[in-house]
Amino acid sequence: MDKMGLGMLIVGIILIIGGAYGIWYFLPYVIDVVMGAIGIIALLIGIMLAGIGFILVKD
């Protein structure tokens, strides 16, 4: 294993630990973000389905 690979492995492990700690510390906010993202995804899927349905009905 070369030095760069070892350095990337160590930095990756540190980032994983830091990210897990951040998620655990700010868990209520993380849940809010996930719920908001689900709402946004549902809205975008609805817009796409309505657009495709409009095009199919028009033909």
PDB file of N, CA and C in Angstrom:
ATOM      1  N   MET A   1       0.861  -1.182   0.000  1.00  0.00           N
ATOM      2  CA  MET A   1       0.000   0.000   0.000  1.00  0.00           C
ATOM      3  C   MET A   1       0.901   1.237   0.000  1.00  0.00           C
ATOM      4  N   ASP A   2       0.610   2.162  -0.870  1.00  0.00           N
ATOM      5  CA  ASP A   2       1.426   3.370  -0.934  1.00  0.00           C
ATOM      6  C   ASP A   2       0.960   4.406   0.090  1.00  0.00           C
ATOM      7  N   LYS A   3       1.758   5.441   0.236  1.00  0.00           N
ATOM      8  CA  LYS A   3       1.482   6.455   1.257  1.00  0.00           C
ATOM      9  C   LYS A   3       0.207   7.228   0.967  1.00  0.00           C
ATOM     10  N   MET A   4      -0.061   7.491  -0.298  1.00  0.00           N
ATOM     11  CA  MET A   4      -1.262   8.256  -0.640  1.00  0.00           C
ATOM     12  C   MET A   4      -2.523   7.459  -0.319  1.00  0.00           C
ATOM     13  N   GLY A   5      -2.503   6.165  -0.623  1.00  0.00           N
ATOM     14  CA  GLY A   5      -3.654   5.318  -0.303  1.00  0.00           C
ATOM     15  C   GLY A   5      -3.889   5.234   1.195  1.00  0.00           C
ATOM     16  N   LEU A   6      -2.819   5.107   1.954  1.00  0.00           N
ATOM     17  CA  LEU A   6      -2.943   5.062   3.406  1.00  0.00           C
ATOM     18  C   LEU A   6      -3.482   6.386   3.945  1.00  0.00           C
ATOM     19  N   GLY A   7      -3.003   7.491   3.409  1.00  0.00           N
ATOM     20  CA  GLY A   7      -3.497   8.803   3.835  1.00  0.00           C
ATOM     21  C   GLY A   7      -4.973   8.969   3.520  1.00  0.00           C
ATOM     22  N   MET A   8      -5.379   8.527   2.334  1.00  0.00           N
ATOM     23  CA  MET A   8      -6.795   8.634   1.967  1.00  0.00           C
ATOM     24  C   MET A   8      -7.657   7.751   2.865  1.00  0.00           C
ATOM     25  N   LEU A   9      -7.147   6.569   3.226  1.00  0.00           N
ATOM     26  CA  LEU A   9      -7.876   5.685   4.125  1.00  0.00           C
ATOM     27  C   LEU A   9      -8.065   6.321   5.492  1.00  0.00           C
ATOM     28  N   ILE A  10      -7.025   6.911   6.022  1.00  0.00           N
ATOM     29  CA  ILE A  10      -7.105   7.548   7.344  1.00  0.00           C
ATOM     30  C   ILE A  10      -8.052   8.741   7.312  1.00  0.00           C
ATOM     31  N   VAL A  11      -7.936   9.586   6.303  1.00  0.00           N
ATOM     32  CA  VAL A  11      -8.824  10.753   6.195  1.00  0.00           C
ATOM     33  C   VAL A  11     -10.266  10.289   6.017  1.00  0.00           C
ATOM     34  N   GLY A  12     -10.489   9.244   5.234  1.00  0.00           N
ATOM     35  CA  GLY A  12     -11.838   8.714   5.040  1.00  0.00           C
ATOM     36  C   GLY A  12     -12.447   8.220   6.338  1.00  0.00           C
ATOM     37  N   ILE A  13     -11.660   7.498   7.132  1.00  0.00           N
ATOM     38  CA  ILE A  13     -12.157   7.000   8.419  1.00  0.00           C
ATOM     39  C   ILE A  13     -12.472   8.161   9.353  1.00  0.00           C
ATOM     40  N   ILE A  14     -11.631   9.186   9.367  1.00  0.00           N
ATOM     41  CA  ILE A  14     -11.879  10.362  10.214  1.00  0.00           C
ATOM     42  C   ILE A  14     -13.161  11.069   9.773  1.00  0.00           C
ATOM     43  N   LEU A  15     -13.381  11.192   8.463  1.00  0.00           N
ATOM     44  CA  LEU A  15     -14.597  11.841   7.969  1.00  0.00           C
ATOM     45  C   LEU A  15     -15.840  11.017   8.294  1.00  0.00           C
ATOM     46  N   ILE A  16     -15.729   9.697   8.225  1.00  0.00           N
ATOM     47  CA  ILE A  16     -16.866   8.844   8.580  1.00  0.00           C
ATOM     48  C   ILE A  16     -17.228   9.021  10.048  1.00  0.00           C
ATOM     49  N   ILE A  17     -16.224   9.027  10.905  1.00  0.00           N
ATOM     50  CA  ILE A  17     -16.476   9.214  12.338  1.00  0.00           C
ATOM     51  C   ILE A  17     -17.056  10.596  12.607  1.00  0.00           C
ATOM     52  N   GLY A  18     -16.501  11.625  11.974  1.00  0.00           N
ATOM     53  CA  GLY A  18     -17.022  12.984  12.158  1.00  0.00           C
ATOM     54  C   GLY A  18     -18.447  13.127  11.638  1.00  0.00           C
ATOM     55  N   GLY A  19     -18.734  12.532  10.500  1.00  0.00           N
ATOM     56  CA  GLY A  19     -20.085  12.593   9.951  1.00  0.00           C
ATOM     57  C   GLY A  19     -21.087  11.869  10.819  1.00  0.00           C
ATOM     58  N   ALA A  20     -20.700  10.704  11.332  1.00  0.00           N
ATOM     59  CA  ALA A  20     -21.599   9.954  12.215  1.00  0.00           C
ATOM     60  C   ALA A  20     -21.870  10.741  13.497  1.00  0.00           C
ATOM     61  N   TYR A  21     -20.832  11.381  14.037  1.00  0.00           N
ATOM     62  CA  TYR A  21     -21.023  12.198  15.238  1.00  0.00           C
ATOM     63  C   TYR A  21     -21.934  13.391  14.939  1.00  0.00           C
ATOM     64  N   GLY A  22     -21.739  14.026  13.782  1.00  0.00           N
ATOM     65  CA  GLY A  22     -22.586  15.159  13.413  1.00  0.00           C
ATOM     66  C   GLY A  22     -24.042  14.755  13.245  1.00  0.00           C
ATOM     67  N   ILE A  23     -24.270  13.608  12.623  1.00  0.00           N
ATOM     68  CA  ILE A  23     -25.646  13.125  12.468  1.00  0.00           C
ATOM     69  C   ILE A  23     -26.257  12.829  13.830  1.00  0.00           C
ATOM     70  N   TRP A  24     -25.490  12.190  14.720  1.00  0.00           N
ATOM     71  CA  TRP A  24     -26.012  11.851  16.044  1.00  0.00           C
ATOM     72  C   TRP A  24     -26.292  13.120  16.859  1.00  0.00           C
ATOM     73  N   TYR A  25     -25.406  14.109  16.778  1.00  0.00           N
ATOM     74  CA  TYR A  25     -25.548  15.334  17.570  1.00  0.00           C
ATOM     75  C   TYR A  25     -26.723  16.176  17.077  1.00  0.00           C
ATOM     76  N   PHE A  26     -26.923  16.242  15.760  1.00  0.00           N
ATOM     77  CA  PHE A  26     -27.986  17.064  15.187  1.00  0.00           C
ATOM     78  C   PHE A  26     -29.130  16.205  14.649  1.00  0.00           C
ATOM     79  N   LEU A  27     -29.455  15.110  15.318  1.00  0.00           N
ATOM     80  CA  LEU A  27     -30.433  14.152  14.813  1.00  0.00           C
ATOM     81  C   LEU A  27     -31.804  14.768  14.510  1.00  0.00           C
ATOM     82  N   PRO A  28     -32.368  15.634  15.358  1.00  0.00           N
ATOM     83  CA  PRO A  28     -33.675  16.213  15.001  1.00  0.00           C
ATOM     84  C   PRO A  28     -33.638  17.011  13.696  1.00  0.00           C
ATOM     85  N   TYR A  29     -32.542  17.726  13.464  1.00  0.00           N
ATOM     86  CA  TYR A  29     -32.426  18.503  12.226  1.00  0.00           C
ATOM     87  C   TYR A  29     -32.235  17.590  11.022  1.00  0.00           C
ATOM     88  N   VAL A  30     -31.507  16.506  11.217  1.00  0.00           N
ATOM     89  CA  VAL A  30     -31.312  15.537  10.133  1.00  0.00           C
ATOM     90  C   VAL A  30     -32.650  14.927   9.731  1.00  0.00           C
ATOM     91  N   ILE A  31     -33.482  14.598  10.717  1.00  0.00           N
ATOM     92  CA  ILE A  31     -34.805  14.042  10.425  1.00  0.00           C
ATOM     93  C   ILE A  31     -35.649  15.058   9.671  1.00  0.00           C
ATOM     94  N   ASP A  32     -35.584  16.330  10.061  1.00  0.00           N
ATOM     95  CA  ASP A  32     -36.327  17.376   9.354  1.00  0.00           C
ATOM     96  C   ASP A  32     -35.877  17.493   7.901  1.00  0.00           C
ATOM     97  N   VAL A  33     -34.569  17.422   7.675  1.00  0.00           N
ATOM     98  CA  VAL A  33     -34.036  17.527   6.307  1.00  0.00           C
ATOM     99  C   VAL A  33     -34.497  16.347   5.466  1.00  0.00           C
ATOM    100  N   VAL A  34     -34.456  15.139   6.035  1.00  0.00           N
ATOM    101  CA  VAL A  34     -34.883  13.948   5.299  1.00  0.00           C
ATOM    102  C   VAL A  34     -36.370  14.036   4.966  1.00  0.00           C
ATOM    103  N   MET A  35     -37.186  14.478   5.914  1.00  0.00           N
ATOM    104  CA  MET A  35     -38.621  14.610   5.648  1.00  0.00           C
ATOM    105  C   MET A  35     -38.880  15.680   4.590  1.00  0.00           C
ATOM    106  N   GLY A  36     -38.153  16.779   4.633  1.00  0.00           N
ATOM    107  CA  GLY A  36     -38.290  17.808   3.615  1.00  0.00           C
ATOM    108  C   GLY A  36     -37.862  17.310   2.248  1.00  0.00           C
ATOM    109  N   ALA A  37     -36.780  16.526   2.204  1.00  0.00           N
ATOM    110  CA  ALA A  37     -36.310  15.974   0.931  1.00  0.00           C
ATOM    111  C   ALA A  37     -37.338  15.016   0.350  1.00  0.00           C
ATOM    112  N   ILE A  38     -37.985  14.221   1.200  1.00  0.00           N
ATOM    113  CA  ILE A  38     -39.030  13.314   0.719  1.00  0.00           C
ATOM    114  C   ILE A  38     -40.176  14.118   0.125  1.00  0.00           C
ATOM    115  N   GLY A  39     -40.551  15.214   0.755  1.00  0.00           N
ATOM    116  CA  GLY A  39     -41.611  16.071   0.224  1.00  0.00           C
ATOM    117  C   GLY A  39     -41.237  16.683  -1.113  1.00  0.00           C
ATOM    118  N   ILE A  40     -40.011  17.149  -1.239  1.00  0.00           N
ATOM    119  CA  ILE A  40     -39.549  17.743  -2.497  1.00  0.00           C
ATOM    120  C   ILE A  40     -39.529  16.698  -3.606  1.00  0.00           C
ATOM    121  N   ILE A  41     -39.056  15.491  -3.291  1.00  0.00           N
ATOM    122  CA  ILE A  41     -39.026  14.418  -4.294  1.00  0.00           C
ATOM    123  C   ILE A  41     -40.441  14.070  -4.740  1.00  0.00           C
ATOM    124  N   ALA A  42     -41.373  13.978  -3.790  1.00  0.00           N
ATOM    125  CA  ALA A  42     -42.760  13.681  -4.145  1.00  0.00           C
ATOM    126  C   ALA A  42     -43.338  14.778  -5.044  1.00  0.00           C
ATOM    127  N   LEU A  43     -43.022  16.034  -4.739  1.00  0.00           N
ATOM    128  CA  LEU A  43     -43.493  17.146  -5.560  1.00  0.00           C
ATOM    129  C   LEU A  43     -42.938  17.062  -6.977  1.00  0.00           C
ATOM    130  N   LEU A  44     -41.647  16.794  -7.113  1.00  0.00           N
ATOM    131  CA  LEU A  44     -41.040  16.697  -8.445  1.00  0.00           C
ATOM    132  C   LEU A  44     -41.601  15.524  -9.242  1.00  0.00           C
ATOM    133  N   ILE A  45     -41.805  14.381  -8.583  1.00  0.00           N
ATOM    134  CA  ILE A  45     -42.393  13.228  -9.280  1.00  0.00           C
ATOM    135  C   ILE A  45     -43.806  13.561  -9.732  1.00  0.00           C
ATOM    136  N   GLY A  46     -44.567  14.242  -8.899  1.00  0.00           N
ATOM    137  CA  GLY A  46     -45.921  14.644  -9.272  1.00  0.00           C
ATOM    138  C   GLY A  46     -45.933  15.584 -10.464  1.00  0.00           C
ATOM    139  N   ILE A  47     -45.023  16.533 -10.485  1.00  0.00           N
ATOM    140  CA  ILE A  47     -44.934  17.462 -11.614  1.00  0.00           C
ATOM    141  C   ILE A  47     -44.577  16.708 -12.892  1.00  0.00           C
ATOM    142  N   MET A  48     -43.621  15.777 -12.809  1.00  0.00           N
ATOM    143  CA  MET A  48     -43.234  15.019 -13.996  1.00  0.00           C
ATOM    144  C   MET A  48     -44.383  14.154 -14.493  1.00  0.00           C
ATOM    145  N   LEU A  49     -45.086  13.476 -13.576  1.00  0.00           N
ATOM    146  CA  LEU A  49     -46.208  12.636 -13.993  1.00  0.00           C
ATOM    147  C   LEU A  49     -47.333  13.469 -14.611  1.00  0.00           C
ATOM    148  N   ALA A  50     -47.608  14.639 -14.043  1.00  0.00           N
ATOM    149  CA  ALA A  50     -48.636  15.506 -14.600  1.00  0.00           C
ATOM    150  C   ALA A  50     -48.231  15.988 -15.991  1.00  0.00           C
ATOM    151  N   GLY A  51     -46.965  16.321 -16.160  1.00  0.00           N
ATOM    152  CA  GLY A  51     -46.491  16.760 -17.477  1.00  0.00           C
ATOM    153  C   GLY A  51     -46.578  15.658 -18.512  1.00  0.00           C
ATOM    154  N   ILE A  52     -46.156  14.453 -18.153  1.00  0.00           N
ATOM    155  CA  ILE A  52     -46.242  13.329 -19.084  1.00  0.00           C
ATOM    156  C   ILE A  52     -47.699  12.992 -19.379  1.00  0.00           C
ATOM    157  N   GLY A  53     -48.533  13.021 -18.361  1.00  0.00           N
ATOM    158  CA  GLY A  53     -49.969  12.767 -18.572  1.00  0.00           C
ATOM    159  C   GLY A  53     -50.586  13.809 -19.486  1.00  0.00           C
ATOM    160  N   PHE A  54     -50.197  15.059 -19.335  1.00  0.00           N
ATOM    161  CA  PHE A  54     -50.728  16.118 -20.195  1.00  0.00           C
ATOM    162  C   PHE A  54     -50.317  15.880 -21.652  1.00  0.00           C
ATOM    163  N   ILE A  55     -49.071  15.490 -21.863  1.00  0.00           N
ATOM    164  CA  ILE A  55     -48.594  15.230 -23.213  1.00  0.00           C
ATOM    165  C   ILE A  55     -49.326  14.027 -23.812  1.00  0.00           C
ATOM    166  N   LEU A  56     -49.554  12.986 -23.027  1.00  0.00           N
ATOM    167  CA  LEU A  56     -50.241  11.795 -23.547  1.00  0.00           C
ATOM    168  C   LEU A  56     -51.713  12.082 -23.839  1.00  0.00           C
ATOM    169  N   VAL A  57     -52.353  12.886 -23.008  1.00  0.00           N
ATOM    170  CA  VAL A  57     -53.764  13.210 -23.230  1.00  0.00           C
ATOM    171  C   VAL A  57     -53.909  14.102 -24.464  1.00  0.00           C
ATOM    172  N   LYS A  58     -52.937  14.979 -24.687  1.00  0.00           N
ATOM    173  CA  LYS A  58     -52.982  15.911 -25.802  1.00  0.00           C
ATOM    174  C   LYS A  58     -52.937  15.177 -27.142  1.00  0.00           C
ATOM    175  N   ASP A  59     -52.260  14.037 -27.210  1.00  0.00           N
ATOM    176  CA  ASP A  59     -52.149  13.286 -28.458  1.00  0.00           C
ATOM    177  C   ASP A  59     -53.385  12.568 -28.765  1.00  0.00           C
TER     178      ASP A  59
END
